[in-house]
Amino acid sequence: MRTREKKAETVYNDFVTCIGAKAQGGYITEAGFIDYYADINACTPAEKDDYFIDMVLKTWGLNTDKVYVSA
């Protein structure tokens, strides 16, 4: 039986690979993390802003009570 579970190390390595050049020496800086999501947001149509915010919050297990979103 296949599961969708991954080890934390695998998830981290996949994300570092995905983030590409924004990861420096295998580490993700705050600036690199923000740049990565800015690039993704730039490809998202403006009418999908709420979808993008919801996707990021759910991906990282956050809710709007704990997040400041600047316009």
N, C-alpha and C. Protein backbone atom coordinates (compact mmCIF):
# COMPACT_ATOMS: atom_id res chain seq x y z
N MET A 1 0.84 -1.18 0.00
CA MET A 1 0.00 0.00 0.00
C MET A 1 0.89 1.25 0.00
N ARG A 2 0.56 2.20 -0.86
CA ARG A 2 1.30 3.46 -0.92
C ARG A 2 0.67 4.50 -0.01
N THR A 3 1.51 5.26 0.63
CA THR A 3 1.01 6.36 1.44
C THR A 3 1.60 7.65 0.89
N ARG A 4 1.02 8.74 1.27
CA ARG A 4 1.50 10.05 0.83
C ARG A 4 2.44 10.66 1.86
N GLU A 5 2.75 9.91 2.89
CA GLU A 5 3.60 10.42 3.95
C GLU A 5 5.05 10.49 3.49
N LYS A 6 5.73 11.55 3.90
CA LYS A 6 7.14 11.73 3.59
C LYS A 6 7.87 12.08 4.88
N LYS A 7 9.12 11.72 4.93
CA LYS A 7 9.95 12.11 6.06
C LYS A 7 10.22 13.61 5.96
N ALA A 8 10.41 14.24 7.11
CA ALA A 8 10.67 15.69 7.14
C ALA A 8 11.88 16.05 6.28
N GLU A 9 12.90 15.24 6.32
CA GLU A 9 14.11 15.50 5.53
C GLU A 9 13.81 15.49 4.03
N THR A 10 12.95 14.58 3.59
CA THR A 10 12.57 14.51 2.18
C THR A 10 11.80 15.75 1.77
N VAL A 11 10.86 16.18 2.60
CA VAL A 11 10.06 17.37 2.32
C VAL A 11 10.97 18.59 2.22
N TYR A 12 11.90 18.72 3.18
CA TYR A 12 12.84 19.84 3.18
C TYR A 12 13.69 19.83 1.91
N ASN A 13 14.25 18.68 1.57
CA ASN A 13 15.10 18.59 0.38
C ASN A 13 14.31 18.90 -0.89
N ASP A 14 13.07 18.44 -0.97
CA ASP A 14 12.22 18.75 -2.12
C ASP A 14 11.98 20.25 -2.21
N PHE A 15 11.73 20.90 -1.07
CA PHE A 15 11.48 22.34 -1.07
C PHE A 15 12.74 23.11 -1.46
N VAL A 16 13.89 22.69 -0.96
CA VAL A 16 15.15 23.35 -1.32
C VAL A 16 15.38 23.22 -2.83
N THR A 17 15.09 22.05 -3.38
CA THR A 17 15.23 21.85 -4.82
C THR A 17 14.27 22.76 -5.58
N CYS A 18 13.05 22.86 -5.10
CA CYS A 18 12.02 23.69 -5.74
C CYS A 18 12.37 25.17 -5.67
N ILE A 19 12.87 25.60 -4.55
CA ILE A 19 13.19 27.01 -4.36
C ILE A 19 14.43 27.41 -5.16
N GLY A 20 15.24 26.43 -5.51
CA GLY A 20 16.37 26.63 -6.41
C GLY A 20 17.42 27.59 -5.91
N ALA A 21 17.76 28.56 -6.75
CA ALA A 21 18.85 29.50 -6.47
C ALA A 21 18.58 30.36 -5.23
N LYS A 22 17.36 30.41 -4.80
CA LYS A 22 17.03 31.22 -3.62
C LYS A 22 17.50 30.53 -2.33
N ALA A 23 17.85 29.25 -2.43
CA ALA A 23 18.43 28.52 -1.29
C ALA A 23 19.95 28.63 -1.42
N GLN A 24 20.58 29.06 -0.37
CA GLN A 24 22.02 29.27 -0.40
C GLN A 24 22.72 28.17 0.37
N GLY A 25 23.44 27.32 -0.36
CA GLY A 25 24.17 26.24 0.29
C GLY A 25 23.28 25.24 1.00
N GLY A 26 22.08 25.03 0.48
CA GLY A 26 21.15 24.10 1.10
C GLY A 26 20.32 24.69 2.21
N TYR A 27 20.47 25.99 2.45
CA TYR A 27 19.70 26.68 3.48
C TYR A 27 18.77 27.69 2.84
N ILE A 28 17.60 27.84 3.42
CA ILE A 28 16.62 28.79 2.91
C ILE A 28 16.62 30.00 3.83
N THR A 29 16.98 31.15 3.26
CA THR A 29 16.97 32.37 4.05
C THR A 29 15.56 32.95 4.05
N GLU A 30 15.32 33.86 4.97
CA GLU A 30 14.02 34.55 5.00
C GLU A 30 13.78 35.28 3.68
N ALA A 31 14.81 35.97 3.20
CA ALA A 31 14.68 36.70 1.93
C ALA A 31 14.39 35.75 0.77
N GLY A 32 15.08 34.61 0.75
CA GLY A 32 14.85 33.62 -0.30
C GLY A 32 13.44 33.06 -0.26
N PHE A 33 12.94 32.81 0.95
CA PHE A 33 11.58 32.30 1.15
C PHE A 33 10.56 33.31 0.63
N ILE A 34 10.75 34.58 1.00
CA ILE A 34 9.83 35.63 0.56
C ILE A 34 9.90 35.81 -0.95
N ASP A 35 11.10 35.81 -1.51
CA ASP A 35 11.26 35.94 -2.97
C ASP A 35 10.57 34.79 -3.71
N TYR A 36 10.69 33.59 -3.17
CA TYR A 36 10.06 32.42 -3.78
C TYR A 36 8.55 32.62 -3.89
N TYR A 37 7.92 33.01 -2.78
CA TYR A 37 6.48 33.19 -2.81
C TYR A 37 6.07 34.44 -3.59
N ALA A 38 6.93 35.45 -3.65
CA ALA A 38 6.64 36.62 -4.49
C ALA A 38 6.61 36.21 -5.96
N ASP A 39 7.53 35.33 -6.35
CA ASP A 39 7.54 34.83 -7.73
C ASP A 39 6.28 34.05 -8.05
N ILE A 40 5.86 33.19 -7.11
CA ILE A 40 4.63 32.42 -7.33
C ILE A 40 3.44 33.36 -7.42
N ASN A 41 3.38 34.35 -6.52
CA ASN A 41 2.27 35.29 -6.53
C ASN A 41 2.23 36.10 -7.82
N ALA A 42 3.39 36.41 -8.37
CA ALA A 42 3.45 37.19 -9.62
C ALA A 42 2.81 36.43 -10.78
N CYS A 43 2.77 35.11 -10.69
CA CYS A 43 2.17 34.28 -11.74
C CYS A 43 0.69 34.00 -11.50
N THR A 44 0.18 34.48 -10.38
CA THR A 44 -1.21 34.26 -10.02
C THR A 44 -2.04 35.46 -10.42
N PRO A 45 -3.12 35.26 -11.16
CA PRO A 45 -3.96 36.40 -11.55
C PRO A 45 -4.46 37.18 -10.33
N ALA A 46 -4.59 38.49 -10.49
CA ALA A 46 -4.99 39.37 -9.37
C ALA A 46 -6.30 38.93 -8.73
N GLU A 47 -7.22 38.40 -9.52
CA GLU A 47 -8.51 37.99 -8.96
C GLU A 47 -8.38 36.73 -8.10
N LYS A 48 -7.21 36.13 -8.09
CA LYS A 48 -6.96 34.94 -7.28
C LYS A 48 -6.14 35.24 -6.03
N ASP A 49 -6.04 36.50 -5.64
CA ASP A 49 -5.25 36.87 -4.46
C ASP A 49 -5.69 36.13 -3.21
N ASP A 50 -7.00 36.04 -3.00
CA ASP A 50 -7.51 35.33 -1.82
C ASP A 50 -7.13 33.86 -1.86
N TYR A 51 -7.18 33.26 -3.05
CA TYR A 51 -6.78 31.87 -3.22
C TYR A 51 -5.30 31.70 -2.86
N PHE A 52 -4.46 32.61 -3.35
CA PHE A 52 -3.02 32.53 -3.07
C PHE A 52 -2.75 32.62 -1.57
N ILE A 53 -3.36 33.59 -0.91
CA ILE A 53 -3.16 33.77 0.53
C ILE A 53 -3.62 32.53 1.28
N ASP A 54 -4.79 32.00 0.92
CA ASP A 54 -5.32 30.80 1.57
C ASP A 54 -4.38 29.61 1.35
N MET A 55 -3.84 29.47 0.15
CA MET A 55 -2.93 28.37 -0.16
C MET A 55 -1.67 28.45 0.70
N VAL A 56 -1.08 29.63 0.82
CA VAL A 56 0.13 29.78 1.63
C VAL A 56 -0.16 29.51 3.10
N LEU A 57 -1.25 30.05 3.61
CA LEU A 57 -1.60 29.84 5.01
C LEU A 57 -1.81 28.36 5.31
N LYS A 58 -2.55 27.67 4.46
CA LYS A 58 -2.83 26.25 4.68
C LYS A 58 -1.57 25.41 4.52
N THR A 59 -0.72 25.77 3.57
CA THR A 59 0.52 25.02 3.36
C THR A 59 1.39 25.02 4.60
N TRP A 60 1.43 26.17 5.29
CA TRP A 60 2.31 26.31 6.44
C TRP A 60 1.57 26.19 7.77
N GLY A 61 0.30 25.77 7.73
CA GLY A 61 -0.46 25.55 8.97
C GLY A 61 -0.72 26.82 9.75
N LEU A 62 -0.94 27.92 9.04
CA LEU A 62 -1.18 29.21 9.70
C LEU A 62 -2.64 29.59 9.57
N ASN A 63 -3.04 30.58 10.35
CA ASN A 63 -4.37 31.15 10.16
C ASN A 63 -4.25 32.67 10.15
N THR A 64 -5.28 33.35 9.72
CA THR A 64 -5.22 34.80 9.56
C THR A 64 -5.09 35.54 10.88
N ASP A 65 -5.38 34.89 11.99
CA ASP A 65 -5.22 35.54 13.30
C ASP A 65 -3.75 35.79 13.63
N LYS A 66 -2.86 35.01 13.03
CA LYS A 66 -1.44 35.09 13.34
C LYS A 66 -0.61 35.72 12.23
N VAL A 67 -1.26 36.18 11.17
CA VAL A 67 -0.52 36.63 9.99
C VAL A 67 -0.88 38.07 9.66
N TYR A 68 0.12 38.85 9.38
CA TYR A 68 -0.10 40.21 8.88
C TYR A 68 0.12 40.17 7.37
N VAL A 69 -0.88 40.56 6.62
CA VAL A 69 -0.78 40.59 5.17
C VAL A 69 -0.80 42.03 4.72
N SER A 70 0.29 42.50 4.13
CA SER A 70 0.33 43.88 3.66
C SER A 70 -0.16 43.93 2.22
N ALA A 71 -0.79 45.01 1.88
CA ALA A 71 -1.33 45.18 0.52
C ALA A 71 -0.31 45.77 -0.41
